[in-house]
Amino acid sequence: MKKKKKVVKKRKKDGKKLVEKAGLAIKNEFYLEASWILSSIIEKKVKDLLEKIEGHKPGAGYTLEQSIKRVKYLHLTSKHPLLTLHFTIKFIDELRNWKNQRNTIMKDLLEVHVSKARMERLAMDGIRLLKEFNSAHKTFKSEYINSDLVSNQSL
């Protein structure tokens, strides 16, 4: 009897499922959970961005903080014009500040009462940042692919 081969499926739809789960969490007023889901989506997208720019995927131990710092460094070096065109330093700093707010809220949960409004604001800011990131990332990817095709044809 033949053994069945295990097929490794690409998880392309994971992002959509996570966005749906974040939306459901917000709908049911689980704002902290929604912000963590949004954080994982943003982390995946930032790592994808780094993979496109640098040609290799950051390791598993590469945190969101390190990824954001790396993107900012690459932006400041101005070696990647598409990155500087689509992602502003202000936006990169907003991502980092949002992540820091998320961490502060987690720490505050142990010591003080964190208001529902504060957690809701965190989740809503996360959604806004994700939307901005998605639009910038989408145009970055399309121009990156087009520039890559042009450079390959000229060779």
C-alpha atoms as a PDB file:
ATOM      1  CA  MET A   1       0.000   0.000   0.000  1.00  0.00           C
ATOM      2  CA  LYS A   2       1.340   3.408  -0.999  1.00  0.00           C
ATOM      3  CA  LYS A   3       1.927   6.055   1.586  1.00  0.00           C
ATOM      4  CA  LYS A   4       0.138   9.269   0.911  1.00  0.00           C
ATOM      5  CA  LYS A   5       2.373  12.229   0.378  1.00  0.00           C
ATOM      6  CA  LYS A   6       1.837  15.135   2.666  1.00  0.00           C
ATOM      7  CA  VAL A   7       1.092  18.225   0.681  1.00  0.00           C
ATOM      8  CA  VAL A   8       2.277  21.436   2.202  1.00  0.00           C
ATOM      9  CA  LYS A   9      -0.283  24.096   1.412  1.00  0.00           C
ATOM     10  CA  LYS A  10       0.685  27.721   1.267  1.00  0.00           C
ATOM     11  CA  ARG A  11      -1.211  29.738   3.804  1.00  0.00           C
ATOM     12  CA  LYS A  12      -2.138  32.626   1.597  1.00  0.00           C
ATOM     13  CA  LYS A  13      -5.585  33.154   3.071  1.00  0.00           C
ATOM     14  CA  ASP A  14      -4.340  33.330   6.673  1.00  0.00           C
ATOM     15  CA  GLY A  15      -4.220  37.112   6.486  1.00  0.00           C
ATOM     16  CA  LYS A  16      -7.869  37.351   5.495  1.00  0.00           C
ATOM     17  CA  LYS A  17      -8.912  34.965   8.236  1.00  0.00           C
ATOM     18  CA  LEU A  18      -6.959  36.960  10.807  1.00  0.00           C
ATOM     19  CA  VAL A  19      -8.549  40.217   9.660  1.00  0.00           C
ATOM     20  CA  GLU A  20     -11.977  38.589   9.973  1.00  0.00           C
ATOM     21  CA  LYS A  21     -11.096  37.373  13.467  1.00  0.00           C
ATOM     22  CA  ALA A  22      -9.925  40.851  14.466  1.00  0.00           C
ATOM     23  CA  GLY A  23     -13.173  42.319  13.149  1.00  0.00           C
ATOM     24  CA  LEU A  24     -15.177  39.751  15.074  1.00  0.00           C
ATOM     25  CA  ALA A  25     -13.188  40.480  18.232  1.00  0.00           C
ATOM     26  CA  ILE A  26     -13.894  44.211  17.883  1.00  0.00           C
ATOM     27  CA  LYS A  27     -17.559  43.551  17.195  1.00  0.00           C
ATOM     28  CA  ASN A  28     -17.758  41.572  20.429  1.00  0.00           C
ATOM     29  CA  GLU A  29     -15.751  44.231  22.279  1.00  0.00           C
ATOM     30  CA  PHE A  30     -12.611  42.116  22.779  1.00  0.00           C
ATOM     31  CA  TYR A  31     -10.371  45.047  21.933  1.00  0.00           C
ATOM     32  CA  LEU A  32      -7.152  43.764  23.457  1.00  0.00           C
ATOM     33  CA  GLU A  33      -7.433  40.479  21.593  1.00  0.00           C
ATOM     34  CA  ALA A  34      -8.163  42.372  18.376  1.00  0.00           C
ATOM     35  CA  SER A  35      -5.056  44.485  18.856  1.00  0.00           C
ATOM     36  CA  TRP A  36      -2.904  41.364  19.286  1.00  0.00           C
ATOM     37  CA  ILE A  37      -4.367  39.855  16.117  1.00  0.00           C
ATOM     38  CA  LEU A  38      -3.712  43.125  14.278  1.00  0.00           C
ATOM     39  CA  SER A  39      -0.195  43.125  15.667  1.00  0.00           C
ATOM     40  CA  SER A  40       0.496  39.669  14.248  1.00  0.00           C
ATOM     41  CA  ILE A  41      -0.859  40.736  10.844  1.00  0.00           C
ATOM     42  CA  ILE A  42       1.321  43.842  10.831  1.00  0.00           C
ATOM     43  CA  GLU A  43       4.346  41.800  11.895  1.00  0.00           C
ATOM     44  CA  LYS A  44       3.830  39.375   8.989  1.00  0.00           C
ATOM     45  CA  LYS A  45       3.509  42.249   6.548  1.00  0.00           C
ATOM     46  CA  VAL A  46       6.600  44.044   7.854  1.00  0.00           C
ATOM     47  CA  LYS A  47       8.610  40.827   7.569  1.00  0.00           C
ATOM     48  CA  ASP A  48       7.279  40.330   4.035  1.00  0.00           C
ATOM     49  CA  LEU A  49       8.414  43.853   3.212  1.00  0.00           C
ATOM     50  CA  LEU A  50      11.877  43.117   4.585  1.00  0.00           C
ATOM     51  CA  GLU A  51      12.016  39.899   2.572  1.00  0.00           C
ATOM     52  CA  LYS A  52      11.242  41.793  -0.640  1.00  0.00           C
ATOM     53  CA  ILE A  53      13.857  44.456   0.073  1.00  0.00           C
ATOM     54  CA  GLU A  54      16.681  42.329   1.444  1.00  0.00           C
ATOM     55  CA  GLY A  55      16.047  39.102  -0.444  1.00  0.00           C
ATOM     56  CA  HIS A  56      15.806  36.884   2.634  1.00  0.00           C
ATOM     57  CA  LYS A  57      13.159  36.429   5.280  1.00  0.00           C
ATOM     58  CA  PRO A  58      13.979  37.561   8.815  1.00  0.00           C
ATOM     59  CA  GLY A  59      14.343  34.688  11.250  1.00  0.00           C
ATOM     60  CA  ALA A  60      11.718  33.453  13.671  1.00  0.00           C
ATOM     61  CA  GLY A  61      13.380  35.277  16.553  1.00  0.00           C
ATOM     62  CA  TYR A  62      13.109  38.603  14.744  1.00  0.00           C
ATOM     63  CA  THR A  63      10.522  40.574  16.693  1.00  0.00           C
ATOM     64  CA  LEU A  64       8.141  43.261  15.501  1.00  0.00           C
ATOM     65  CA  GLU A  65      10.340  45.843  17.235  1.00  0.00           C
ATOM     66  CA  GLN A  66      13.442  44.659  15.387  1.00  0.00           C
ATOM     67  CA  SER A  67      11.570  44.500  12.085  1.00  0.00           C
ATOM     68  CA  ILE A  68      10.280  48.054  12.419  1.00  0.00           C
ATOM     69  CA  LYS A  69      13.755  49.294  13.373  1.00  0.00           C
ATOM     70  CA  ARG A  70      15.216  47.537  10.332  1.00  0.00           C
ATOM     71  CA  VAL A  71      12.644  49.090   7.989  1.00  0.00           C
ATOM     72  CA  LYS A  72      13.393  52.517   9.449  1.00  0.00           C
ATOM     73  CA  TYR A  73      17.132  51.954   9.024  1.00  0.00           C
ATOM     74  CA  LEU A  74      16.651  50.901   5.400  1.00  0.00           C
ATOM     75  CA  HIS A  75      14.461  53.952   4.858  1.00  0.00           C
ATOM     76  CA  LEU A  76      17.070  56.298   6.327  1.00  0.00           C
ATOM     77  CA  THR A  77      19.897  54.832   4.230  1.00  0.00           C
ATOM     78  CA  SER A  78      17.907  55.769   1.095  1.00  0.00           C
ATOM     79  CA  LYS A  79      19.243  52.786  -0.830  1.00  0.00           C
ATOM     80  CA  HIS A  80      15.705  51.643  -1.620  1.00  0.00           C
ATOM     81  CA  PRO A  81      13.800  54.419  -3.404  1.00  0.00           C
ATOM     82  CA  LEU A  82      10.540  52.434  -3.539  1.00  0.00           C
ATOM     83  CA  LEU A  83      10.581  52.040   0.232  1.00  0.00           C
ATOM     84  CA  THR A  84      11.146  55.753   0.801  1.00  0.00           C
ATOM     85  CA  LEU A  85       8.469  56.573  -1.765  1.00  0.00           C
ATOM     86  CA  HIS A  86       5.690  54.481  -0.196  1.00  0.00           C
ATOM     87  CA  PHE A  87       6.537  54.411   3.517  1.00  0.00           C
ATOM     88  CA  THR A  88       7.206  57.616   5.418  1.00  0.00           C
ATOM     89  CA  ILE A  89       9.294  57.892   8.542  1.00  0.00           C
ATOM     90  CA  LYS A  90       6.217  59.312  10.271  1.00  0.00           C
ATOM     91  CA  PHE A  91       4.238  56.157   9.435  1.00  0.00           C
ATOM     92  CA  ILE A  92       7.054  53.865  10.605  1.00  0.00           C
ATOM     93  CA  ASP A  93       7.203  55.814  13.881  1.00  0.00           C
ATOM     94  CA  GLU A  94       3.405  55.551  14.247  1.00  0.00           C
ATOM     95  CA  LEU A  95       3.691  51.754  13.928  1.00  0.00           C
ATOM     96  CA  ARG A  96       6.343  51.676  16.607  1.00  0.00           C
ATOM     97  CA  ASN A  97       4.357  53.964  18.923  1.00  0.00           C
ATOM     98  CA  TRP A  98       1.254  51.795  18.475  1.00  0.00           C
ATOM     99  CA  LYS A  99       3.267  48.698  19.378  1.00  0.00           C
ATOM    100  CA  ASN A 100       4.623  50.474  22.460  1.00  0.00           C
ATOM    101  CA  GLN A 101       1.098  51.499  23.498  1.00  0.00           C
ATOM    102  CA  ARG A 102      -0.011  47.899  23.165  1.00  0.00           C
ATOM    103  CA  ASN A 103       2.834  46.767  25.406  1.00  0.00           C
ATOM    104  CA  THR A 104       2.104  49.510  27.945  1.00  0.00           C
ATOM    105  CA  ILE A 105      -1.533  48.484  28.140  1.00  0.00           C
ATOM    106  CA  MET A 106      -0.500  44.866  28.737  1.00  0.00           C
ATOM    107  CA  LYS A 107       1.748  45.935  31.597  1.00  0.00           C
ATOM    108  CA  ASP A 108      -0.911  48.254  33.012  1.00  0.00           C
ATOM    109  CA  LEU A 109      -3.455  45.442  33.111  1.00  0.00           C
ATOM    110  CA  LEU A 110      -1.498  43.904  35.980  1.00  0.00           C
ATOM    111  CA  GLU A 111      -1.215  47.073  38.031  1.00  0.00           C
ATOM    112  CA  VAL A 112      -4.110  49.418  37.261  1.00  0.00           C
ATOM    113  CA  HIS A 113      -7.513  49.393  35.669  1.00  0.00           C
ATOM    114  CA  VAL A 114      -7.317  49.883  31.908  1.00  0.00           C
ATOM    115  CA  SER A 115     -10.443  51.525  30.557  1.00  0.00           C
ATOM    116  CA  LYS A 116     -12.458  49.981  27.787  1.00  0.00           C
ATOM    117  CA  ALA A 117     -12.124  53.248  25.841  1.00  0.00           C
ATOM    118  CA  ARG A 118      -8.322  53.018  25.971  1.00  0.00           C
ATOM    119  CA  MET A 119      -8.346  49.452  24.639  1.00  0.00           C
ATOM    120  CA  GLU A 120     -10.895  50.391  21.979  1.00  0.00           C
ATOM    121  CA  ARG A 121      -8.719  53.311  20.883  1.00  0.00           C
ATOM    122  CA  LEU A 122      -5.742  50.946  20.615  1.00  0.00           C
ATOM    123  CA  ALA A 123      -7.711  48.527  18.423  1.00  0.00           C
ATOM    124  CA  MET A 124      -9.087  51.309  16.206  1.00  0.00           C
ATOM    125  CA  ASP A 125      -5.625  52.814  15.770  1.00  0.00           C
ATOM    126  CA  GLY A 126      -4.377  49.347  14.846  1.00  0.00           C
ATOM    127  CA  ILE A 127      -7.045  49.042  12.163  1.00  0.00           C
ATOM    128  CA  ARG A 128      -6.176  52.482  10.792  1.00  0.00           C
ATOM    129  CA  LEU A 129      -2.470  51.619  10.680  1.00  0.00           C
ATOM    130  CA  LEU A 130      -3.174  48.268   9.036  1.00  0.00           C
ATOM    131  CA  LYS A 131      -5.264  49.953   6.335  1.00  0.00           C
ATOM    132  CA  GLU A 132      -2.508  52.490   5.671  1.00  0.00           C
ATOM    133  CA  PHE A 133       0.096  49.735   5.650  1.00  0.00           C
ATOM    134  CA  ASN A 134      -1.977  47.620   3.268  1.00  0.00           C
ATOM    135  CA  SER A 135      -2.368  50.415   0.722  1.00  0.00           C
ATOM    136  CA  ALA A 136       1.318  51.397   0.859  1.00  0.00           C
ATOM    137  CA  HIS A 137       2.436  47.764   0.780  1.00  0.00           C
ATOM    138  CA  LYS A 138       0.194  46.990  -2.186  1.00  0.00           C
ATOM    139  CA  THR A 139       1.578  49.817  -4.318  1.00  0.00           C
ATOM    140  CA  PHE A 140       5.109  49.006  -3.150  1.00  0.00           C
ATOM    141  CA  LYS A 141       4.726  45.367  -4.213  1.00  0.00           C
ATOM    142  CA  SER A 142       3.291  46.220  -7.631  1.00  0.00           C
ATOM    143  CA  GLU A 143       6.052  48.745  -8.379  1.00  0.00           C
ATOM    144  CA  TYR A 144       8.699  46.408  -6.948  1.00  0.00           C
ATOM    145  CA  ILE A 145       7.561  43.608  -9.248  1.00  0.00           C
ATOM    146  CA  ASN A 146       7.458  45.944 -12.239  1.00  0.00           C
ATOM    147  CA  SER A 147      10.946  47.309 -11.503  1.00  0.00           C
ATOM    148  CA  ASP A 148      12.211  43.756 -11.003  1.00  0.00           C
ATOM    149  CA  LEU A 149      10.770  42.701 -14.383  1.00  0.00           C
ATOM    150  CA  VAL A 150      12.376  45.685 -16.131  1.00  0.00           C
ATOM    151  CA  SER A 151      15.773  44.975 -14.585  1.00  0.00           C
ATOM    152  CA  ASN A 152      15.540  41.293 -15.583  1.00  0.00           C
ATOM    153  CA  GLN A 153      14.630  42.171 -19.181  1.00  0.00           C
ATOM    154  CA  SER A 154      17.573  44.541 -19.506  1.00  0.00           C
ATOM    155  CA  LEU A 155      19.976  41.750 -18.552  1.00  0.00           C
END
